[in-house]
Structures are given as structure tokens and as C-alpha cells.
C-alpha atoms as a PDB file:
ATOM      1  CA  MET A   1      -4.524   1.779 -15.222  1.00  0.00           C
ATOM      2  CA  PHE A   2      -2.457  -1.878 -15.300  1.00  0.00           C
ATOM      3  CA  PHE A   3      -2.926  -1.999 -12.056  1.00  0.00           C
ATOM      4  CA  ARG A   4      -6.748  -1.146 -11.876  1.00  0.00           C
ATOM      5  CA  GLU A   5      -7.347  -3.393 -14.696  1.00  0.00           C
ATOM      6  CA  LEU A   6      -5.490  -6.694 -12.609  1.00  0.00           C
ATOM      7  CA  PRO A   7      -7.579  -9.722 -12.081  1.00  0.00           C
ATOM      8  CA  GLU A   8      -5.268  -9.877  -8.915  1.00  0.00           C
ATOM      9  CA  PRO A   9      -4.067  -6.898  -6.870  1.00  0.00           C
ATOM     10  CA  LEU A  10      -0.855  -6.353  -6.591  1.00  0.00           C
ATOM     11  CA  PHE A  11      -1.584  -6.764  -2.696  1.00  0.00           C
ATOM     12  CA  THR A  12      -3.354 -10.109  -3.025  1.00  0.00           C
ATOM     13  CA  HIS A  13      -7.719 -10.568  -2.166  1.00  0.00           C
ATOM     14  CA  ASN A  14      -6.294 -13.285   0.831  1.00  0.00           C
ATOM     15  CA  TYR A  15      -4.351 -10.474   2.427  1.00  0.00           C
ATOM     16  CA  PHE A  16      -6.522  -7.253   2.734  1.00  0.00           C
ATOM     17  CA  ASN A  17      -8.289  -8.226   5.598  1.00  0.00           C
ATOM     18  CA  ASP A  18      -4.871  -9.101   7.235  1.00  0.00           C
ATOM     19  CA  PHE A  19      -3.355  -5.878   6.336  1.00  0.00           C
ATOM     20  CA  VAL A  20      -6.110  -4.138   7.021  1.00  0.00           C
ATOM     21  CA  SER A  21      -5.702  -5.714  10.845  1.00  0.00           C
ATOM     22  CA  ALA A  22      -1.860  -4.478  10.732  1.00  0.00           C
ATOM     23  CA  ILE A  23      -2.370  -1.197   9.541  1.00  0.00           C
ATOM     24  CA  LYS A  24      -5.323  -0.620  13.281  1.00  0.00           C
ATOM     25  CA  SER A  25      -2.382  -0.743  15.257  1.00  0.00           C
ATOM     26  CA  GLN A  26      -2.052   1.354  17.714  1.00  0.00           C
ATOM     27  CA  ASP A  27       1.387   0.935  17.903  1.00  0.00           C
ATOM     28  CA  TYR A  28       3.591   2.162  15.518  1.00  0.00           C
ATOM     29  CA  LYS A  29       6.167   0.404  14.920  1.00  0.00           C
ATOM     30  CA  GLN A  30       3.906  -3.082  15.626  1.00  0.00           C
ATOM     31  CA  ARG A  31       1.714  -1.550  12.013  1.00  0.00           C
ATOM     32  CA  VAL A  32       5.499  -1.091  10.695  1.00  0.00           C
ATOM     33  CA  GLN A  33       6.358  -5.006  11.313  1.00  0.00           C
ATOM     34  CA  SER A  34       3.088  -6.429  10.239  1.00  0.00           C
ATOM     35  CA  ILE A  35       2.844  -4.902   7.194  1.00  0.00           C
ATOM     36  CA  ASN A  36       6.459  -5.750   6.446  1.00  0.00           C
ATOM     37  CA  ASN A  37       6.555  -9.201   7.804  1.00  0.00           C
ATOM     38  CA  LEU A  38       3.007  -9.534   5.055  1.00  0.00           C
ATOM     39  CA  ILE A  39       4.631  -7.799   2.295  1.00  0.00           C
ATOM     40  CA  LYS A  40       6.395 -10.823   2.498  1.00  0.00           C
ATOM     41  CA  GLN A  41       3.897 -13.415   2.500  1.00  0.00           C
ATOM     42  CA  LEU A  42       3.015 -11.754  -1.214  1.00  0.00           C
ATOM     43  CA  PRO A  43       4.223 -13.857  -3.925  1.00  0.00           C
ATOM     44  CA  LYS A  44       7.836 -13.185  -5.099  1.00  0.00           C
ATOM     45  CA  PRO A  45       6.594 -11.554  -8.483  1.00  0.00           C
ATOM     46  CA  HIS A  46       4.251  -8.339  -6.624  1.00  0.00           C
ATOM     47  CA  GLN A  47       7.180  -8.353  -4.031  1.00  0.00           C
ATOM     48  CA  ASP A  48       9.614  -7.272  -6.586  1.00  0.00           C
ATOM     49  CA  THR A  49       7.197  -5.126  -8.089  1.00  0.00           C
ATOM     50  CA  MET A  50       5.637  -3.313  -5.321  1.00  0.00           C
ATOM     51  CA  GLN A  51       9.307  -2.653  -4.477  1.00  0.00           C
ATOM     52  CA  ALA A  52       9.751  -1.021  -8.202  1.00  0.00           C
ATOM     53  CA  LEU A  53       6.713   0.918  -7.860  1.00  0.00           C
ATOM     54  CA  PHE A  54       7.085   2.041  -4.024  1.00  0.00           C
ATOM     55  CA  LYS A  55      10.384   3.583  -5.234  1.00  0.00           C
ATOM     56  CA  HIS A  56       8.636   5.265  -8.286  1.00  0.00           C
ATOM     57  CA  LEU A  57       5.888   7.080  -5.376  1.00  0.00           C
ATOM     58  CA  ARG A  58       8.631   8.248  -4.073  1.00  0.00           C
ATOM     59  CA  LYS A  59      10.358   9.996  -7.100  1.00  0.00           C
ATOM     60  CA  VAL A  60       7.062  11.248  -7.484  1.00  0.00           C
ATOM     61  CA  ILE A  61       6.556  12.602  -3.636  1.00  0.00           C
ATOM     62  CA  GLU A  62      10.087  13.857  -4.129  1.00  0.00           C
ATOM     63  CA  HIS A  63       8.688  16.548  -7.175  1.00  0.00           C
ATOM     64  CA  GLY A  64       5.633  16.942  -4.880  1.00  0.00           C
ATOM     65  CA  GLU A  65       6.805  21.021  -5.417  1.00  0.00           C
ATOM     66  CA  GLU A  66       6.400  20.729  -9.264  1.00  0.00           C
ATOM     67  CA  ASN A  67       4.145  17.584  -9.313  1.00  0.00           C
ATOM     68  CA  ARG A  68       1.831  18.742  -5.734  1.00  0.00           C
ATOM     69  CA  MET A  69       1.914  15.202  -5.132  1.00  0.00           C
ATOM     70  CA  ASN A  70       3.058  14.590  -1.517  1.00  0.00           C
ATOM     71  CA  THR A  71       2.760  11.570   0.458  1.00  0.00           C
ATOM     72  CA  GLN A  72      -1.040  11.776   1.356  1.00  0.00           C
ATOM     73  CA  SER A  73      -1.741  12.793  -2.055  1.00  0.00           C
ATOM     74  CA  VAL A  74      -0.046   9.917  -4.000  1.00  0.00           C
ATOM     75  CA  ALA A  75      -1.621   7.208  -1.233  1.00  0.00           C
ATOM     76  CA  ILE A  76      -5.464   8.377  -1.724  1.00  0.00           C
ATOM     77  CA  VAL A  77      -4.229   7.239  -5.613  1.00  0.00           C
ATOM     78  CA  PHE A  78      -2.733   4.543  -5.654  1.00  0.00           C
ATOM     79  CA  GLY A  79      -4.627   2.860  -2.149  1.00  0.00           C
ATOM     80  CA  PRO A  80      -7.972   1.262  -3.913  1.00  0.00           C
ATOM     81  CA  THR A  81      -6.281   0.783  -6.851  1.00  0.00           C
ATOM     82  CA  LEU A  82      -3.709  -1.653  -4.696  1.00  0.00           C
ATOM     83  CA  LEU A  83      -5.576  -2.649  -2.315  1.00  0.00           C
ATOM     84  CA  ARG A  84      -8.635  -4.170  -2.665  1.00  0.00           C
ATOM     85  CA  PRO A  85     -11.287  -7.116  -0.874  1.00  0.00           C
ATOM     86  CA  GLU A  86     -12.389  -9.767  -3.063  1.00  0.00           C
ATOM     87  CA  THR A  87     -15.967  -8.284  -2.576  1.00  0.00           C
ATOM     88  CA  GLU A  88     -17.214  -5.648  -2.053  1.00  0.00           C
ATOM     89  CA  THR A  89     -19.433  -4.973   1.072  1.00  0.00           C
ATOM     90  CA  GLY A  90     -20.731  -1.620   1.749  1.00  0.00           C
ATOM     91  CA  ASN A  91     -17.415  -0.466   3.646  1.00  0.00           C
ATOM     92  CA  ILE A  92     -15.716   1.051   0.407  1.00  0.00           C
ATOM     93  CA  ALA A  93     -15.527   4.486   2.263  1.00  0.00           C
ATOM     94  CA  VAL A  94     -13.513   2.512   5.632  1.00  0.00           C
ATOM     95  CA  HIS A  95     -11.643   0.955   3.555  1.00  0.00           C
ATOM     96  CA  MET A  96     -10.633   3.031   1.475  1.00  0.00           C
ATOM     97  CA  VAL A  97      -9.323   5.132   4.708  1.00  0.00           C
ATOM     98  CA  TYR A  98      -6.822   1.497   5.890  1.00  0.00           C
ATOM     99  CA  GLN A  99      -6.421   1.598   2.181  1.00  0.00           C
ATOM    100  CA  ASN A 100      -4.582   5.166   1.803  1.00  0.00           C
ATOM    101  CA  GLN A 101      -3.112   5.000   5.197  1.00  0.00           C
ATOM    102  CA  ILE A 102      -1.095   1.320   4.177  1.00  0.00           C
ATOM    103  CA  VAL A 103      -0.024   2.720   1.057  1.00  0.00           C
ATOM    104  CA  GLU A 104       0.784   5.782   2.781  1.00  0.00           C
ATOM    105  CA  LEU A 105       3.136   3.553   5.853  1.00  0.00           C
ATOM    106  CA  ILE A 106       4.383   1.990   2.726  1.00  0.00           C
ATOM    107  CA  LEU A 107       5.544   4.797   1.149  1.00  0.00           C
ATOM    108  CA  LEU A 108       7.142   6.586   4.349  1.00  0.00           C
ATOM    109  CA  GLU A 109       8.806   3.428   5.961  1.00  0.00           C
ATOM    110  CA  TYR A 110      10.033   2.500   2.451  1.00  0.00           C
ATOM    111  CA  GLU A 111      14.153   1.840   3.261  1.00  0.00           C
ATOM    112  CA  SER A 112      13.371  -0.030   6.589  1.00  0.00           C
ATOM    113  CA  ILE A 113      10.065  -2.518   4.907  1.00  0.00           C
ATOM    114  CA  PHE A 114      12.515  -3.333   1.322  1.00  0.00           C
ATOM    115  CA  GLY A 115      16.046  -2.708   2.938  1.00  0.00           C
ATOM    116  CA  ARG A 116      17.201   0.353   0.734  1.00  0.00           C
END
């Protein structure tokens, strides 16, 4: 609820299209590198919060057998909350796919993105 009610999402409005463009890359390494570079451009408080949140979400995923939350399901829940365009267009379903993919990639590549 906290993240949903923020006036500016954790992944700021200004970078929404950049994150979407990055996740569309066909080359996996390039995708990871582009997402990593974009995260580093976000304001420091956003980066710090993102690191703490994703660290926690990885712990949730580690207990997926008990809580039935795998990487994909966590991404589906948090994608649209953490990353959204400033004004919603008719592409809500398309945006949701990209939002989920971005969050999933960060969860999978946490160590290479945040260095821990």
C-alpha cells in the first residue's frame, strides 16, 4: 500500500519509457546492463529503497515453497506498483507485461545490479 500511494513511483515517472525500452532488448546481458544503468540514474533515496525492497523480496521468494510466491508472482504483484507511466494510456495490459518483466529481471539479477 505504501508504494502504491507514493505520488512518484519508486521507478520515477521520468524513466518509465527508458525502463520499458531497456527490457525490450533482445540481448539478455544488454538488458541487465541497461536496467542497471537506469537504476543508477534514479535519485539516491530511490536506489537505497529499491535495494532494501528487492533484498526483502528475494527473501520472500526463498520461502516460495511455504508462501507460494515465486519470482514471477512477486513481479506480477509489485511491477505495476513500483513502475508506472505518469499518465495511463490505452496500453495498460502491454505496460503490465513490461512492468512485471522489469521487476522479475531485477529480482533475478539482484547481485549484479546491487553488488550484494
